[in-house]
N, C-alpha and C. Protein backbone atom coordinates (compact mmCIF):
# COMPACT_ATOMS: atom_id res chain seq x y z
N MET A 1 0.86 -1.19 0.02
CA MET A 1 0.20 -0.03 0.05
C MET A 1 0.90 1.19 -0.08
N ARG A 2 2.09 1.05 0.16
CA ARG A 2 3.01 2.40 0.15
C ARG A 2 3.98 2.36 -0.87
N GLY A 3 4.03 1.39 -1.68
CA GLY A 3 4.87 1.38 -2.67
C GLY A 3 4.64 1.82 -3.98
N PRO A 4 5.57 1.70 -4.99
CA PRO A 4 4.94 2.28 -6.34
C PRO A 4 3.75 1.79 -7.00
N GLY A 5 3.31 0.57 -6.55
CA GLY A 5 2.01 0.07 -7.21
C GLY A 5 0.82 0.05 -6.25
N ARG A 6 1.01 1.41 -5.45
CA ARG A 6 -0.41 1.36 -4.62
C ARG A 6 -1.63 1.87 -5.28
N LEU A 7 -1.29 2.38 -6.29
CA LEU A 7 -2.62 2.67 -7.23
C LEU A 7 -3.40 1.63 -7.64
N ARG A 8 -2.42 0.79 -8.28
CA ARG A 8 -3.03 -0.74 -8.77
C ARG A 8 -3.67 -1.44 -7.64
N ALA A 9 -2.95 -1.36 -6.53
CA ALA A 9 -3.48 -2.14 -5.33
C ALA A 9 -4.96 -1.59 -4.92
N ILE A 10 -5.08 -0.36 -4.88
CA ILE A 10 -6.18 0.36 -4.54
C ILE A 10 -7.43 0.01 -5.41
N GLY A 11 -6.85 -0.08 -6.86
CA GLY A 11 -7.99 -0.13 -7.85
C GLY A 11 -8.61 -1.70 -7.89
N TRP A 12 -7.53 -2.54 -7.39
CA TRP A 12 -7.98 -3.90 -7.41
C TRP A 12 -8.91 -4.24 -6.08
N LEU A 13 -8.39 -3.50 -4.93
CA LEU A 13 -9.28 -3.60 -3.70
C LEU A 13 -10.76 -3.01 -4.17
N LEU A 14 -10.87 -1.96 -4.71
CA LEU A 14 -12.21 -1.54 -5.12
C LEU A 14 -12.97 -2.41 -5.88
N VAL A 15 -12.34 -3.05 -7.08
CA VAL A 15 -12.83 -3.94 -7.88
C VAL A 15 -13.43 -5.34 -6.99
N GLY A 16 -12.64 -5.63 -6.30
CA GLY A 16 -13.05 -6.83 -5.30
C GLY A 16 -14.05 -6.44 -4.15
N VAL A 17 -14.07 -5.29 -3.78
CA VAL A 17 -15.09 -4.90 -2.88
C VAL A 17 -16.49 -4.53 -3.45
N THR A 18 -16.55 -4.08 -4.42
CA THR A 18 -17.79 -3.71 -5.05
C THR A 18 -18.85 -4.53 -5.28
N PRO A 19 -18.71 -5.81 -5.49
CA PRO A 19 -19.90 -6.71 -5.65
C PRO A 19 -20.14 -6.96 -4.13
N VAL A 20 -19.29 -7.25 -3.28
CA VAL A 20 -19.72 -7.12 -1.78
C VAL A 20 -20.53 -6.27 -1.31
N ILE A 21 -20.37 -4.97 -1.66
CA ILE A 21 -21.25 -3.79 -1.43
C ILE A 21 -22.62 -3.80 -1.97
N TRP A 22 -22.56 -4.11 -3.27
CA TRP A 22 -23.77 -4.36 -3.91
C TRP A 22 -24.75 -5.37 -3.48
N ILE A 23 -24.25 -6.36 -3.01
CA ILE A 23 -24.89 -7.67 -2.36
C ILE A 23 -25.31 -7.25 -1.12
N GLY A 24 -24.62 -6.70 -0.11
CA GLY A 24 -25.10 -6.23 1.02
C GLY A 24 -26.07 -5.34 0.91
N ALA A 25 -25.99 -4.24 0.05
CA ALA A 25 -27.14 -3.33 -0.24
C ALA A 25 -28.52 -3.80 -0.69
N PHE A 26 -28.41 -4.84 -1.37
CA PHE A 26 -29.47 -5.68 -1.89
C PHE A 26 -30.08 -6.25 -0.65
N VAL A 27 -29.36 -6.96 0.11
CA VAL A 27 -29.81 -7.95 1.27
C VAL A 27 -30.31 -6.80 2.24
N ALA A 28 -29.78 -5.71 2.50
CA ALA A 28 -30.32 -4.71 3.27
C ALA A 28 -31.54 -4.21 2.95
N GLN A 29 -31.66 -4.10 1.89
CA GLN A 29 -32.83 -3.50 1.31
C GLN A 29 -33.95 -4.48 1.34
N LEU A 30 -33.70 -5.88 1.18
CA LEU A 30 -34.62 -7.01 1.34
C LEU A 30 -35.30 -7.02 2.81
N LEU A 31 -34.28 -6.80 3.76
CA LEU A 31 -34.50 -6.91 5.24
C LEU A 31 -35.34 -5.65 5.47
N VAL A 32 -35.13 -4.51 5.23
CA VAL A 32 -36.09 -3.26 5.29
C VAL A 32 -37.50 -3.66 4.87
N ASP A 33 -37.40 -4.10 3.53
CA ASP A 33 -38.81 -4.29 2.86
C ASP A 33 -39.58 -5.29 3.63
N GLY A 34 -38.79 -6.30 4.17
CA GLY A 34 -39.40 -7.57 4.79
C GLY A 34 -40.01 -6.80 6.19
N HIS A 35 -39.61 -5.89 6.90
CA HIS A 35 -40.00 -5.56 8.24
C HIS A 35 -41.08 -4.31 7.91
N THR A 36 -40.98 -3.69 6.92
CA THR A 36 -42.04 -2.54 6.59
C THR A 36 -43.14 -3.18 5.72
N LYS A 37 -43.09 -4.38 5.31
CA LYS A 37 -43.98 -5.07 4.42
C LYS A 37 -44.14 -4.16 3.08
N ALA A 38 -42.90 -3.69 2.57
CA ALA A 38 -43.22 -2.96 1.35
C ALA A 38 -43.09 -4.02 0.41
N GLN A 39 -43.79 -3.75 -0.88
CA GLN A 39 -44.01 -4.60 -1.94
C GLN A 39 -42.49 -4.68 -2.94
N ARG A 40 -41.88 -5.70 -3.17
CA ARG A 40 -40.96 -5.69 -3.90
C ARG A 40 -41.23 -6.38 -5.25
N SER A 41 -40.74 -5.93 -6.42
CA SER A 41 -41.24 -6.59 -7.43
C SER A 41 -40.03 -7.60 -7.76
N ALA A 42 -40.41 -8.53 -8.66
CA ALA A 42 -39.65 -9.89 -8.82
C ALA A 42 -38.39 -9.28 -9.75
N ASP A 43 -38.45 -8.02 -10.37
CA ASP A 43 -37.18 -7.84 -11.30
C ASP A 43 -36.26 -7.01 -10.40
N ALA A 44 -36.08 -6.96 -9.18
CA ALA A 44 -35.39 -6.11 -8.48
C ALA A 44 -33.83 -6.47 -8.58
N PRO A 45 -33.50 -7.67 -8.70
CA PRO A 45 -32.16 -8.24 -9.00
C PRO A 45 -31.49 -7.63 -10.52
N VAL A 46 -32.66 -7.61 -11.39
CA VAL A 46 -32.24 -7.10 -12.73
C VAL A 46 -31.96 -5.70 -12.67
N ARG A 47 -32.78 -4.95 -12.05
CA ARG A 47 -32.70 -3.45 -11.84
C ARG A 47 -31.27 -3.09 -11.08
N ILE A 48 -31.00 -3.88 -9.99
CA ILE A 48 -29.68 -3.77 -9.37
C ILE A 48 -28.41 -3.87 -10.33
N ALA A 49 -28.65 -5.01 -11.12
CA ALA A 49 -27.58 -5.32 -12.03
C ALA A 49 -27.47 -4.21 -13.01
N ALA A 50 -28.68 -3.65 -13.62
CA ALA A 50 -28.69 -2.68 -14.57
C ALA A 50 -27.95 -1.40 -14.14
N VAL A 51 -28.29 -0.98 -12.68
CA VAL A 51 -27.70 0.27 -12.18
C VAL A 51 -25.85 -0.21 -12.07
N TRP A 52 -25.67 -1.32 -11.84
CA TRP A 52 -24.18 -1.50 -11.86
C TRP A 52 -23.67 -1.35 -13.21
N GLY A 53 -24.23 -2.09 -14.16
CA GLY A 53 -23.83 -2.27 -15.63
C GLY A 53 -23.79 -0.83 -16.29
N SER A 54 -24.71 0.06 -15.82
CA SER A 54 -24.75 1.49 -16.47
C SER A 54 -23.51 2.17 -15.72
N SER A 55 -23.26 2.06 -14.56
CA SER A 55 -22.30 2.48 -13.91
C SER A 55 -20.79 2.25 -14.59
N ILE A 56 -20.69 0.95 -14.99
CA ILE A 56 -19.48 0.50 -15.75
C ILE A 56 -19.36 1.30 -17.14
N PHE A 57 -20.43 1.36 -17.81
CA PHE A 57 -20.62 1.81 -19.01
C PHE A 57 -20.18 3.44 -18.83
N ASN A 58 -20.89 4.06 -17.89
CA ASN A 58 -20.47 5.43 -17.73
C ASN A 58 -19.04 5.86 -17.35
N ILE A 59 -18.18 4.89 -16.85
CA ILE A 59 -16.87 4.91 -16.57
C ILE A 59 -16.10 4.97 -17.75
N GLU A 60 -16.46 3.99 -18.62
CA GLU A 60 -15.91 3.88 -19.96
C GLU A 60 -15.88 4.90 -20.75
N ALA A 61 -17.06 5.40 -20.95
CA ALA A 61 -17.45 6.60 -21.83
C ALA A 61 -16.77 7.96 -21.06
N TRP A 62 -16.75 8.12 -19.87
CA TRP A 62 -16.02 9.17 -19.36
C TRP A 62 -14.50 9.05 -19.79
N TRP A 63 -13.80 8.01 -19.79
CA TRP A 63 -12.49 7.64 -19.95
C TRP A 63 -12.17 7.88 -21.53
N ARG A 64 -13.23 7.31 -22.52
CA ARG A 64 -12.73 7.14 -23.89
C ARG A 64 -13.28 8.44 -24.59
N TYR A 65 -14.32 9.17 -24.34
CA TYR A 65 -15.00 10.18 -25.24
C TYR A 65 -14.89 11.52 -24.43
N PRO A 66 -14.59 12.59 -25.01
CA PRO A 66 -14.37 14.01 -24.55
C PRO A 66 -15.61 14.71 -24.77
N SER A 67 -16.25 14.35 -25.59
CA SER A 67 -17.32 15.20 -26.10
C SER A 67 -18.64 14.91 -25.60
N TRP A 68 -19.49 15.50 -24.52
CA TRP A 68 -20.74 14.93 -23.92
C TRP A 68 -21.75 16.21 -24.33
N THR A 69 -22.78 16.21 -25.07
CA THR A 69 -23.71 17.10 -25.35
C THR A 69 -25.05 16.63 -24.96
N ARG A 70 -25.79 17.37 -23.96
CA ARG A 70 -26.95 17.13 -23.13
C ARG A 70 -28.00 17.75 -23.82
N GLY A 71 -29.03 17.07 -23.91
CA GLY A 71 -30.40 17.50 -24.46
C GLY A 71 -31.65 17.45 -23.36
N ARG A 72 -32.86 17.44 -23.46
CA ARG A 72 -33.84 17.08 -22.76
C ARG A 72 -33.91 15.74 -22.28
N HIS A 73 -33.68 14.88 -23.10
CA HIS A 73 -33.66 13.36 -22.83
C HIS A 73 -32.39 12.67 -23.26
N ALA A 74 -31.84 13.15 -24.20
CA ALA A 74 -30.61 12.33 -24.80
C ALA A 74 -29.34 12.99 -24.38
N LEU A 75 -28.43 12.08 -24.19
CA LEU A 75 -26.83 12.61 -23.86
C LEU A 75 -26.21 11.94 -25.06
N LEU A 76 -25.55 12.96 -25.96
CA LEU A 76 -24.74 12.44 -27.10
C LEU A 76 -23.19 12.44 -26.46
N ILE A 77 -22.80 10.95 -26.58
CA ILE A 77 -21.21 11.04 -26.14
C ILE A 77 -20.42 10.48 -27.50
N ASP A 78 -19.49 11.33 -27.73
CA ASP A 78 -18.73 10.98 -28.85
C ASP A 78 -17.28 11.62 -28.76
N ASP A 79 -16.59 11.34 -29.95
CA ASP A 79 -15.22 11.81 -29.95
C ASP A 79 -14.94 13.21 -30.27
N GLY A 80 -16.00 13.89 -30.45
CA GLY A 80 -15.89 15.47 -30.56
C GLY A 80 -15.93 15.60 -32.10
N HIS A 81 -15.95 14.59 -32.91
CA HIS A 81 -15.93 14.80 -34.48
C HIS A 81 -17.43 14.64 -35.00
N SER A 82 -18.46 14.37 -34.35
CA SER A 82 -19.94 14.48 -34.94
C SER A 82 -20.25 15.65 -35.50
N PRO A 83 -20.86 15.65 -36.54
CA PRO A 83 -21.39 16.85 -37.26
C PRO A 83 -22.70 17.37 -36.54
N HIS A 84 -22.55 18.55 -36.03
CA HIS A 84 -23.59 19.17 -35.48
C HIS A 84 -24.16 18.63 -34.36
N PRO A 85 -23.60 18.32 -33.17
CA PRO A 85 -24.03 17.50 -32.18
C PRO A 85 -25.52 18.06 -31.47
N LYS A 86 -25.43 19.48 -31.32
CA LYS A 86 -26.63 20.14 -30.57
C LYS A 86 -27.78 19.78 -31.49
N LYS A 87 -27.77 19.82 -32.86
CA LYS A 87 -28.76 19.41 -33.86
C LYS A 87 -29.08 17.91 -33.72
N LEU A 88 -28.23 17.01 -33.66
CA LEU A 88 -28.35 15.61 -33.44
C LEU A 88 -29.16 15.40 -32.02
N VAL A 89 -28.62 15.98 -31.27
CA VAL A 89 -29.35 15.74 -29.65
C VAL A 89 -30.88 16.28 -29.69
N ALA A 90 -31.09 17.57 -30.31
CA ALA A 90 -32.49 17.89 -30.55
C ALA A 90 -33.21 16.90 -31.26
N ASP A 91 -32.59 16.46 -32.21
CA ASP A 91 -33.57 15.31 -33.20
C ASP A 91 -33.67 14.28 -32.44
N MET A 92 -33.01 13.73 -31.50
CA MET A 92 -33.11 12.60 -30.69
C MET A 92 -34.23 12.90 -29.62
N ASP A 93 -34.01 13.78 -28.95
CA ASP A 93 -35.17 14.33 -27.97
C ASP A 93 -36.61 14.37 -28.78
N ARG A 94 -36.65 14.73 -30.10
CA ARG A 94 -37.93 14.71 -30.67
C ARG A 94 -38.24 13.40 -30.99
N HIS A 95 -37.43 12.70 -31.34
CA HIS A 95 -37.49 11.17 -31.74
C HIS A 95 -38.16 10.46 -30.42
N ILE A 96 -37.46 10.59 -29.23
CA ILE A 96 -37.86 10.03 -28.00
C ILE A 96 -39.28 10.50 -27.76
N GLU A 97 -39.56 11.63 -27.78
CA GLU A 97 -40.96 12.34 -27.46
C GLU A 97 -42.01 11.65 -28.31
N ALA A 98 -41.60 11.54 -29.50
CA ALA A 98 -42.64 10.97 -30.70
C ALA A 98 -42.70 9.36 -30.32
N MET A 99 -41.48 8.83 -29.85
CA MET A 99 -41.94 7.48 -29.73
C MET A 99 -42.72 7.14 -28.22
N ALA A 100 -42.62 8.15 -27.28
CA ALA A 100 -43.54 8.00 -26.23
C ALA A 100 -44.86 8.30 -26.56
N ASP A 101 -45.23 9.29 -27.53
CA ASP A 101 -46.48 9.68 -27.79
C ASP A 101 -47.19 8.43 -28.56
N LEU A 102 -46.42 8.01 -29.61
CA LEU A 102 -46.89 6.69 -30.28
C LEU A 102 -47.31 5.60 -29.33
N LEU A 103 -46.57 5.27 -28.26
CA LEU A 103 -46.95 4.30 -27.22
C LEU A 103 -47.94 4.70 -26.38
N GLY A 104 -48.16 6.12 -26.31
CA GLY A 104 -49.25 6.39 -25.23
C GLY A 104 -48.85 6.44 -24.00
N GLN A 105 -47.59 6.45 -23.69
CA GLN A 105 -46.81 6.64 -22.42
C GLN A 105 -46.09 7.95 -22.21
N PRO A 106 -45.77 8.24 -20.96
CA PRO A 106 -45.00 9.58 -20.77
C PRO A 106 -43.38 9.24 -21.10
N VAL A 107 -42.73 10.21 -21.44
CA VAL A 107 -41.53 9.88 -21.63
C VAL A 107 -40.67 9.76 -20.27
N PRO A 108 -39.97 8.43 -19.98
CA PRO A 108 -39.27 8.20 -18.84
C PRO A 108 -38.37 9.25 -18.21
N ASP A 109 -38.46 9.43 -17.06
CA ASP A 109 -37.40 10.30 -16.37
C ASP A 109 -36.01 9.72 -16.37
N GLY A 110 -35.19 10.53 -16.39
CA GLY A 110 -33.69 10.39 -16.54
C GLY A 110 -33.21 10.82 -17.89
N GLU A 111 -31.89 10.47 -18.21
CA GLU A 111 -31.14 10.67 -19.39
C GLU A 111 -30.88 9.23 -20.05
N PHE A 112 -30.78 9.55 -21.56
CA PHE A 112 -30.57 8.19 -22.23
C PHE A 112 -29.18 8.54 -23.01
N PRO A 113 -28.27 7.97 -22.32
CA PRO A 113 -26.87 8.15 -23.05
C PRO A 113 -26.87 7.34 -24.36
N TRP A 114 -26.39 8.08 -25.33
CA TRP A 114 -26.25 7.57 -26.85
C TRP A 114 -24.92 7.87 -27.21
N VAL A 115 -24.05 6.80 -27.36
CA VAL A 115 -22.66 6.79 -27.74
C VAL A 115 -22.54 6.47 -29.29
N ARG A 116 -21.90 7.42 -29.92
CA ARG A 116 -21.35 7.37 -31.22
C ARG A 116 -19.97 6.74 -31.26
N GLY A 117 -20.00 5.39 -31.14
CA GLY A 117 -18.62 4.66 -31.16
C GLY A 117 -19.10 3.36 -30.34
N THR A 118 -18.23 2.75 -29.54
CA THR A 118 -18.11 1.52 -28.92
C THR A 118 -18.32 1.73 -27.41
N ILE A 119 -18.95 0.95 -26.61
CA ILE A 119 -18.78 0.69 -25.10
C ILE A 119 -18.54 -0.75 -24.93
N PHE A 120 -17.49 -0.99 -24.19
CA PHE A 120 -16.97 -2.49 -23.97
C PHE A 120 -17.10 -3.35 -25.39
N GLY A 121 -16.81 -2.74 -26.43
CA GLY A 121 -16.79 -3.52 -27.63
C GLY A 121 -18.24 -3.46 -28.35
N PHE A 122 -19.31 -3.17 -27.79
CA PHE A 122 -20.60 -3.22 -28.42
C PHE A 122 -20.78 -1.83 -29.10
N SER A 123 -21.40 -2.14 -30.34
CA SER A 123 -21.84 -1.03 -31.21
C SER A 123 -23.15 -1.53 -31.86
N GLY A 124 -24.11 -0.51 -32.12
CA GLY A 124 -25.23 -0.92 -33.13
C GLY A 124 -26.25 -1.63 -32.11
N ARG A 125 -26.15 -1.22 -30.77
CA ARG A 125 -27.11 -2.02 -29.95
C ARG A 125 -27.72 -1.01 -28.83
N ALA A 126 -28.79 -1.36 -28.27
CA ALA A 126 -29.26 -0.77 -26.95
C ALA A 126 -29.00 -1.68 -25.80
N MET A 127 -28.49 -1.27 -24.73
CA MET A 127 -28.35 -1.88 -23.54
C MET A 127 -28.62 -1.09 -22.32
N LEU A 128 -29.58 -1.65 -21.46
CA LEU A 128 -30.25 -1.03 -20.38
C LEU A 128 -30.83 0.44 -20.84
N ARG A 129 -30.07 1.48 -20.51
CA ARG A 129 -30.48 2.82 -20.98
C ARG A 129 -29.66 3.35 -21.96
N TRP A 130 -28.70 2.82 -22.14
CA TRP A 130 -27.68 3.02 -23.25
C TRP A 130 -27.94 2.68 -24.62
N ALA A 131 -27.59 3.53 -25.73
CA ALA A 131 -27.77 3.13 -27.24
C ALA A 131 -26.45 3.40 -27.71
N THR A 132 -25.91 2.63 -28.69
CA THR A 132 -24.70 2.69 -29.13
C THR A 132 -24.90 2.62 -30.58
N CYS A 133 -23.98 3.15 -31.41
CA CYS A 133 -24.00 3.10 -32.95
C CYS A 133 -22.61 3.37 -33.30
N TRP A 134 -22.52 3.01 -34.66
CA TRP A 134 -21.24 2.81 -35.35
C TRP A 134 -20.75 4.50 -35.49
N LYS A 135 -19.68 4.50 -35.37
CA LYS A 135 -19.12 6.00 -35.32
C LYS A 135 -19.36 6.75 -36.56
N ASP A 136 -19.25 6.20 -37.71
CA ASP A 136 -19.53 6.87 -39.07
C ASP A 136 -20.79 6.42 -39.84
N GLY A 137 -21.82 5.98 -38.73
CA GLY A 137 -23.05 5.52 -39.48
C GLY A 137 -23.31 4.04 -39.23
N LYS A 138 -24.24 3.31 -39.96
CA LYS A 138 -24.48 2.05 -39.82
C LYS A 138 -23.42 1.41 -40.85
N PRO A 139 -23.33 -0.01 -40.48
CA PRO A 139 -22.58 -0.74 -41.54
C PRO A 139 -23.22 -0.62 -42.93
N GLY A 140 -22.53 -0.55 -43.81
CA GLY A 140 -23.14 -0.59 -45.18
C GLY A 140 -23.37 0.69 -45.97
N GLY A 141 -22.75 1.67 -45.09
CA GLY A 141 -22.74 2.92 -45.64
C GLY A 141 -23.79 3.94 -45.71
N THR A 142 -24.96 3.46 -44.80
CA THR A 142 -26.16 4.46 -44.92
C THR A 142 -25.85 5.74 -44.16
N GLY A 143 -24.66 5.83 -43.37
CA GLY A 143 -24.41 6.99 -42.83
C GLY A 143 -25.35 7.70 -41.74
N ARG A 144 -26.39 6.74 -41.30
CA ARG A 144 -27.09 7.16 -40.08
C ARG A 144 -26.71 6.63 -38.67
N CYS A 145 -26.86 7.58 -37.89
CA CYS A 145 -26.48 7.23 -36.65
C CYS A 145 -27.38 8.08 -35.85
N GLY A 146 -28.67 8.02 -35.69
CA GLY A 146 -29.69 8.82 -34.82
C GLY A 146 -31.13 8.56 -35.19
N PRO A 147 -31.82 9.72 -34.82
CA PRO A 147 -33.37 9.24 -34.99
C PRO A 147 -33.59 9.23 -36.52
N PRO A 148 -34.55 8.54 -36.76
CA PRO A 148 -35.07 8.62 -38.40
C PRO A 148 -35.42 10.02 -38.96
């Protein structure tokens, strides 16, 4: 802990302790719910895993991509070379609102991160609240990476 490799040791310590903390928090929440008779949905473990996975995606995006453009609902994360990022985010916000109207649902709270590039090697997919697309558009040269 005092030598030249202390940062690496601290990093591995955090990696090892994180799952223990998440499991402890989940068990503590179950105990509280049991004592207060609160209703717990069956997908609680999936939601906890989704929050943890989203945190990991956020760390990689912060590390790899310098440009973050926020809109009402969408957050465009890219390498800073996307054409007109503010227009892209405004278009995506309108697309999200149109989809919510089409489904007859309100727009969900929170931000939807949208990566023009890859996250953990994934591209062209939606995972949790995250959407990824190829940096220069879809394969095959259509050039689209955003709302229709």
